[in-house]
Amino acid sequence: MIVVLTGGTGGAKFVDGLRQVVPAQDLTIIVNTGDDLELWGLSVSPDLDSITYVLAGLLSKERGWGVKGDTFFCLQAMGELGEPIWFHTGDRDLAVHLLRTKLLRQGRTLSDVAAYIAAKMGVQARILPMCNARVETRVDTPIGELTFEEYFVQRWYQDPVNSVRFAGVEKAEPAPGVIDAILAATVVLLAPSNPITSIGPILAVPGIAEALKQTNAPVAAISPIVGGKAVSGPAGILMAAQGLPVSIAGVAQAYREFLNTLIVDHRDAQAAEELQKSGLRVHCANTIMSTADEKAELARHVLSLFSTEGAAHAGSDRS
């Protein structure tokens, strides 16, 4: 079983690659829910939705979020009624939020709801939220604390960042199946997601980081940093705010407690040579996923490192 920790657009792209090369029943996806928010009284789980859509073949490739070919009539109407419309949700996307809210109000857990919605969309891979409790990523800025979506979407991550915290995480527990999946995995992959606000909330849930230390499976991460810059979004800004170098070394540092292998882009080959002197296994590949073929090729390449033959040769093929 392949277990993936993911969040954000980079994570969705990597999962899109995996779904092309791995049988769906062999995939378990553990998803960040620190971005979850309430919109117009509805429960919205952006990362859960993106992963569900991508596994169902419904994700908008142009936007990297939401449903392909969606319309935005409700959004327009809500704006005309004076409601906030900075978080763009499409009409088909809205149907999922309505259903999620209905089921949660009936007393079902987020795990149950995620599984129910995935099944309705024909998804056979297992999708697990990191926890069922409400955990909120909060970004401290000079104008005050913002939720992640306020910081990222509403304000276009233009505010300086003092720090990041995960409100409520101390009382959270891993969702059912999360720890068992990590311990039973053949390989655990950390998608090329923001280490601070996409993977960070997952690792902050008590018990998950410890499971990553304990699992017998190799734990590998794909760097979202290429050439000293984030491929997209505020990963670099947030890493710097948390005291991490904006580099592949910073990514390795974020995951140092359990990381066995780091996959980096070819453009970081020189930095990879330096990093592997620390004892970390570092491997170079094309990590920029601009096309469906590139997504599949990266997924195939990463998995080959952990096949019997790949494991034998990867140590001498790091560049």
Protein backbone atom coordinates (compact mmCIF):
# COMPACT_ATOMS: atom_id res chain seq x y z
CA MET A 1 0.00 0.00 0.00
CA ILE A 2 1.25 3.44 -0.97
CA VAL A 3 0.42 6.14 1.56
CA VAL A 4 0.59 9.80 0.55
CA LEU A 5 0.47 12.86 2.82
CA THR A 6 -0.78 15.79 0.80
CA GLY A 7 -2.35 19.23 0.56
CA GLY A 8 -2.46 22.12 -1.91
CA THR A 9 -2.14 22.21 -5.68
CA GLY A 10 1.30 20.57 -5.79
CA GLY A 11 -0.03 17.65 -3.81
CA ALA A 12 -3.03 17.29 -6.10
CA LYS A 13 -0.76 17.24 -9.15
CA PHE A 14 1.36 14.47 -7.67
CA VAL A 15 -1.70 12.42 -6.73
CA ASP A 16 -2.91 12.92 -10.32
CA GLY A 17 0.33 11.31 -11.47
CA LEU A 18 -0.01 8.43 -9.02
CA ARG A 19 -3.55 7.64 -10.12
CA GLN A 20 -2.25 7.12 -13.66
CA VAL A 21 0.33 4.51 -12.67
CA VAL A 22 -0.98 2.83 -9.49
CA PRO A 23 -4.14 0.73 -9.01
CA ALA A 24 -6.63 2.83 -7.04
CA GLN A 25 -7.05 0.19 -4.34
CA ASP A 26 -3.32 0.45 -3.56
CA LEU A 27 -3.53 4.17 -2.72
CA THR A 28 -4.30 5.72 0.67
CA ILE A 29 -4.26 9.52 0.74
CA ILE A 30 -3.97 11.37 4.07
CA VAL A 31 -5.17 14.92 3.51
CA ASN A 32 -4.59 18.25 5.26
CA THR A 33 -7.73 19.77 6.77
CA GLY A 34 -6.12 22.81 8.40
CA ASP A 35 -7.44 24.91 5.48
CA ASP A 36 -11.07 23.98 6.16
CA LEU A 37 -13.42 26.91 6.54
CA GLU A 38 -17.06 27.90 6.84
CA LEU A 39 -18.50 29.70 3.82
CA TRP A 40 -22.08 30.98 3.83
CA GLY A 41 -22.78 28.60 6.71
CA LEU A 42 -21.37 25.63 4.78
CA SER A 43 -18.46 23.36 5.70
CA VAL A 44 -15.73 23.60 3.06
CA SER A 45 -12.71 21.28 2.91
CA PRO A 46 -10.57 22.58 0.02
CA ASP A 47 -7.84 19.92 0.08
CA LEU A 48 -10.20 17.00 0.61
CA ASP A 49 -12.26 18.23 -2.31
CA SER A 50 -9.26 18.69 -4.61
CA ILE A 51 -8.00 15.18 -3.93
CA THR A 52 -11.47 13.71 -4.41
CA TYR A 53 -11.93 15.60 -7.66
CA VAL A 54 -8.53 14.62 -9.01
CA LEU A 55 -9.07 10.94 -8.23
CA ALA A 56 -12.49 11.15 -9.87
CA GLY A 57 -10.98 12.82 -12.95
CA LEU A 58 -12.98 15.98 -12.27
CA LEU A 59 -10.37 18.50 -11.12
CA SER A 60 -10.05 21.66 -13.17
CA LYS A 61 -6.60 21.56 -14.75
CA GLU A 62 -6.76 25.25 -15.65
CA ARG A 63 -7.37 26.42 -12.08
CA GLY A 64 -5.79 23.55 -10.15
CA TRP A 65 -8.84 23.54 -7.85
CA GLY A 66 -12.58 23.06 -8.20
CA VAL A 67 -14.48 21.09 -10.81
CA LYS A 68 -13.58 21.32 -14.49
CA GLY A 69 -16.18 23.11 -16.57
CA ASP A 70 -17.93 24.46 -13.48
CA THR A 71 -20.15 27.53 -13.53
CA PHE A 72 -20.30 30.30 -10.94
CA PHE A 73 -23.89 31.53 -11.01
CA CYS A 74 -24.43 31.10 -7.27
CA LEU A 75 -21.22 32.97 -6.50
CA GLN A 76 -22.36 35.84 -8.68
CA ALA A 77 -25.80 35.91 -7.07
CA MET A 78 -24.35 35.83 -3.55
CA GLY A 79 -22.15 38.79 -4.45
CA GLU A 80 -25.17 40.70 -5.69
CA LEU A 81 -26.81 40.00 -2.32
CA GLY A 82 -23.84 41.51 -0.51
CA GLU A 83 -22.25 38.27 0.68
CA PRO A 84 -18.45 37.78 0.62
CA ILE A 85 -17.28 36.09 -2.57
CA TRP A 86 -13.49 36.18 -2.16
CA PHE A 87 -13.44 32.38 -1.87
CA HIS A 88 -14.51 31.28 -5.33
CA THR A 89 -16.67 28.20 -5.19
CA GLY A 90 -18.35 26.89 -8.31
CA ASP A 91 -21.87 25.54 -8.55
CA ARG A 92 -20.91 21.85 -8.70
CA ASP A 93 -18.37 22.49 -5.95
CA LEU A 94 -21.17 24.05 -3.91
CA ALA A 95 -23.19 20.85 -4.14
CA VAL A 96 -20.39 19.00 -2.36
CA HIS A 97 -20.27 21.64 0.39
CA LEU A 98 -24.04 21.36 0.84
CA LEU A 99 -23.88 17.58 1.11
CA ARG A 100 -20.91 17.67 3.51
CA THR A 101 -22.68 20.17 5.75
CA LYS A 102 -25.88 18.11 5.78
CA LEU A 103 -24.05 14.91 6.73
CA LEU A 104 -21.93 16.58 9.41
CA ARG A 105 -25.07 18.10 10.96
CA GLN A 106 -26.54 14.61 11.06
CA GLY A 107 -23.67 13.64 13.34
CA ARG A 108 -21.38 11.88 10.88
CA THR A 109 -17.63 12.39 11.17
CA LEU A 110 -15.49 14.11 8.56
CA SER A 111 -13.90 10.72 7.80
CA ASP A 112 -17.30 9.18 7.13
CA VAL A 113 -18.34 12.11 4.99
CA ALA A 114 -15.12 12.07 2.97
CA ALA A 115 -15.54 8.36 2.27
CA TYR A 116 -19.21 8.81 1.36
CA ILE A 117 -18.56 11.64 -1.09
CA ALA A 118 -15.60 9.80 -2.65
CA ALA A 119 -17.73 6.68 -3.16
CA LYS A 120 -20.50 8.76 -4.76
CA MET A 121 -17.92 10.08 -7.22
CA GLY A 122 -16.62 6.62 -8.04
CA VAL A 123 -13.27 7.02 -6.28
CA GLN A 124 -11.78 3.68 -5.26
CA ALA A 125 -8.65 4.98 -3.55
CA ARG A 126 -8.91 5.56 0.20
CA ILE A 127 -9.10 9.22 1.24
CA LEU A 128 -8.53 10.01 4.91
CA PRO A 129 -8.68 13.46 6.53
CA MET A 130 -5.80 13.96 8.97
CA CYS A 131 -8.28 14.16 11.85
CA ASN A 132 -11.98 14.56 12.51
CA ALA A 133 -11.57 17.44 14.97
CA ARG A 134 -11.58 21.04 13.81
CA VAL A 135 -7.99 22.23 13.41
CA GLU A 136 -7.43 25.67 11.91
CA THR A 137 -4.19 26.89 10.40
CA ARG A 138 -3.70 30.48 11.55
CA VAL A 139 -1.14 32.88 10.13
CA ASP A 140 0.07 35.71 12.39
CA THR A 141 0.61 38.94 10.45
CA PRO A 142 1.05 42.64 11.35
CA ILE A 143 -2.71 43.12 10.88
CA GLY A 144 -3.52 40.21 13.20
CA GLU A 145 -4.15 36.50 12.88
CA LEU A 146 -5.68 35.28 9.66
CA THR A 147 -7.03 31.89 8.71
CA PHE A 148 -4.92 30.30 6.00
CA GLU A 149 -7.55 30.90 3.32
CA GLU A 150 -7.88 34.56 4.35
CA TYR A 151 -4.11 34.92 4.10
CA PHE A 152 -3.72 32.90 0.91
CA VAL A 153 -6.87 33.53 -1.12
CA GLN A 154 -8.48 36.72 0.18
CA ARG A 155 -5.25 38.69 0.65
CA TRP A 156 -3.09 36.92 -1.96
CA TYR A 157 -0.37 36.13 0.68
CA GLN A 158 0.90 39.72 0.55
CA ASP A 159 1.09 40.22 4.33
CA PRO A 160 4.40 39.69 6.14
CA VAL A 161 4.26 36.55 8.27
CA ASN A 162 5.37 36.42 11.89
CA SER A 163 4.46 32.82 12.62
CA VAL A 164 2.04 29.98 11.91
CA ARG A 165 0.08 27.87 14.36
CA PHE A 166 -2.53 25.13 14.20
CA ALA A 167 -5.36 26.08 16.52
CA GLY A 168 -6.98 23.10 18.21
CA VAL A 169 -4.40 20.53 17.15
CA GLU A 170 -3.37 19.68 20.70
CA LYS A 171 -6.77 18.08 21.32
CA ALA A 172 -7.01 16.38 17.93
CA GLU A 173 -6.53 12.69 17.25
CA PRO A 174 -5.59 11.08 13.94
CA ALA A 175 -8.66 10.09 12.00
CA PRO A 176 -9.48 6.36 12.08
CA GLY A 177 -7.18 4.47 9.76
CA VAL A 178 -4.44 7.10 9.54
CA ILE A 179 -1.94 5.51 11.94
CA ASP A 180 -2.69 1.97 10.74
CA ALA A 181 -2.14 3.04 7.13
CA ILE A 182 1.25 4.58 7.90
CA LEU A 183 2.42 1.56 9.88
CA ALA A 184 1.22 -0.90 7.21
CA ALA A 185 2.51 1.04 4.20
CA THR A 186 5.07 -0.27 1.74
CA VAL A 187 6.17 3.32 1.13
CA VAL A 188 5.07 6.69 2.56
CA LEU A 189 5.31 9.69 0.26
CA LEU A 190 5.09 13.35 1.24
CA ALA A 191 3.78 15.16 -1.82
CA PRO A 192 5.46 18.35 -3.11
CA SER A 193 3.17 20.38 -0.86
CA ASN A 194 3.87 23.39 1.31
CA PRO A 195 5.85 21.95 4.27
CA ILE A 196 4.42 24.51 6.70
CA THR A 197 0.71 24.80 5.94
CA SER A 198 -0.09 21.69 3.86
CA ILE A 199 2.05 18.96 5.44
CA GLY A 200 2.71 20.82 8.71
CA PRO A 201 -0.85 20.50 10.05
CA ILE A 202 -0.85 16.75 9.37
CA LEU A 203 2.43 16.28 11.23
CA ALA A 204 1.15 18.40 14.12
CA VAL A 205 -1.72 15.99 14.86
CA PRO A 206 -0.50 14.01 17.89
CA GLY A 207 0.68 10.55 16.90
CA ILE A 208 1.22 11.04 13.18
CA ALA A 209 4.88 12.15 13.25
CA GLU A 210 5.59 9.35 15.74
CA ALA A 211 4.01 6.81 13.37
CA LEU A 212 6.26 8.08 10.57
CA LYS A 213 9.26 7.42 12.82
CA GLN A 214 8.03 3.94 13.69
CA THR A 215 6.91 2.65 10.31
CA ASN A 216 9.11 0.09 8.58
CA ALA A 217 8.25 1.66 5.25
CA PRO A 218 10.67 4.10 3.63
CA VAL A 219 9.50 7.70 3.99
CA ALA A 220 10.22 9.97 1.03
CA ALA A 221 9.35 13.57 0.22
CA ILE A 222 9.26 15.44 -3.08
CA SER A 223 10.57 18.98 -2.66
CA PRO A 224 8.21 21.86 -3.49
CA ILE A 225 11.26 24.12 -3.57
CA VAL A 226 13.22 24.32 -6.82
CA GLY A 227 16.26 26.54 -7.23
CA GLY A 228 15.67 28.28 -3.93
CA LYS A 229 12.08 29.26 -4.75
CA ALA A 230 8.65 27.73 -4.25
CA VAL A 231 7.22 26.24 -7.42
CA SER A 232 3.98 28.07 -6.55
CA GLY A 233 2.30 29.76 -3.61
CA PRO A 234 3.73 30.99 -0.32
CA ALA A 235 5.80 27.96 0.71
CA GLY A 236 9.05 29.94 0.63
CA ILE A 237 7.60 32.85 2.61
CA LEU A 238 6.20 30.54 5.26
CA MET A 239 9.34 28.43 5.52
CA ALA A 240 11.41 31.56 6.11
CA ALA A 241 8.92 32.75 8.74
CA GLN A 242 9.35 29.44 10.56
CA GLY A 243 13.14 29.72 10.50
CA LEU A 244 13.78 27.25 7.69
CA PRO A 245 16.07 27.93 4.71
CA VAL A 246 14.14 28.31 1.46
CA SER A 247 16.00 25.45 -0.18
CA ILE A 248 15.95 21.69 -0.48
CA ALA A 249 17.96 21.67 2.76
CA GLY A 250 15.07 23.51 4.42
CA VAL A 251 12.63 20.89 3.19
CA ALA A 252 14.87 18.15 4.56
CA GLN A 253 15.08 20.00 7.87
CA ALA A 254 11.29 20.24 8.11
CA TYR A 255 11.04 16.45 7.83
CA ARG A 256 14.34 15.47 9.45
CA GLU A 257 12.82 13.34 12.23
CA PHE A 258 11.60 10.63 9.87
CA LEU A 259 12.76 11.35 6.30
CA ASN A 260 14.75 8.67 4.45
CA THR A 261 14.76 10.03 0.90
CA LEU A 262 14.31 13.46 -0.65
CA ILE A 263 13.46 13.80 -4.35
CA VAL A 264 14.55 17.15 -5.78
CA ASP A 265 14.57 18.75 -9.20
CA HIS A 266 17.55 18.37 -11.53
CA ARG A 267 18.16 22.10 -11.15
CA ASP A 268 19.15 21.42 -7.54
CA ALA A 269 21.71 18.74 -8.42
CA GLN A 270 24.63 20.66 -6.91
CA ALA A 271 22.73 21.35 -3.68
CA ALA A 272 21.69 17.68 -3.63
CA GLU A 273 25.33 16.57 -3.65
CA GLU A 274 25.98 18.76 -0.62
CA LEU A 275 22.85 17.63 1.19
CA GLN A 276 23.53 13.94 0.77
CA LYS A 277 26.75 14.39 2.75
CA SER A 278 24.49 14.60 5.81
CA GLY A 279 23.53 10.97 5.23
CA LEU A 280 20.16 11.67 3.66
CA ARG A 281 19.39 9.82 0.46
CA VAL A 282 18.82 12.47 -2.22
CA HIS A 283 17.65 11.78 -5.75
CA CYS A 284 17.18 14.15 -8.68
CA ALA A 285 14.29 14.04 -11.14
CA ASN A 286 12.08 16.35 -13.17
CA THR A 287 9.70 17.54 -10.45
CA ILE A 288 7.91 20.25 -12.47
CA MET A 289 4.55 18.70 -13.42
CA SER A 290 3.22 20.81 -16.28
CA THR A 291 1.52 18.01 -18.23
CA ALA A 292 -0.29 14.77 -17.49
CA ASP A 293 2.69 12.85 -18.86
CA GLU A 294 5.10 14.69 -16.55
CA LYS A 295 2.89 13.97 -13.56
CA ALA A 296 2.80 10.27 -14.39
CA GLU A 297 6.51 10.14 -15.11
CA LEU A 298 7.41 11.70 -11.76
CA ALA A 299 5.10 9.29 -9.94
CA ARG A 300 6.58 6.35 -11.82
CA HIS A 301 10.12 7.58 -11.17
CA VAL A 302 9.54 8.04 -7.44
CA LEU A 303 7.99 4.61 -7.05
CA SER A 304 10.85 3.00 -8.96
CA LEU A 305 13.22 4.12 -6.22
CA PHE A 306 11.45 1.80 -3.82
CA SER A 307 11.09 -1.26 -5.98
CA THR A 308 13.59 -4.04 -5.32
CA GLU A 309 15.68 -3.07 -8.32
CA GLY A 310 15.33 0.67 -7.75
CA ALA A 311 16.41 0.42 -4.14
CA ALA A 312 19.53 -1.45 -5.19
CA HIS A 313 20.61 1.18 -7.67
CA ALA A 314 19.30 4.46 -6.28
CA GLY A 315 22.26 5.01 -4.00
CA SER A 316 24.54 5.37 -7.00
CA ASP A 317 22.04 7.33 -9.12
CA ARG A 318 21.44 10.55 -7.22
CA SER A 319 21.97 13.03 -10.00
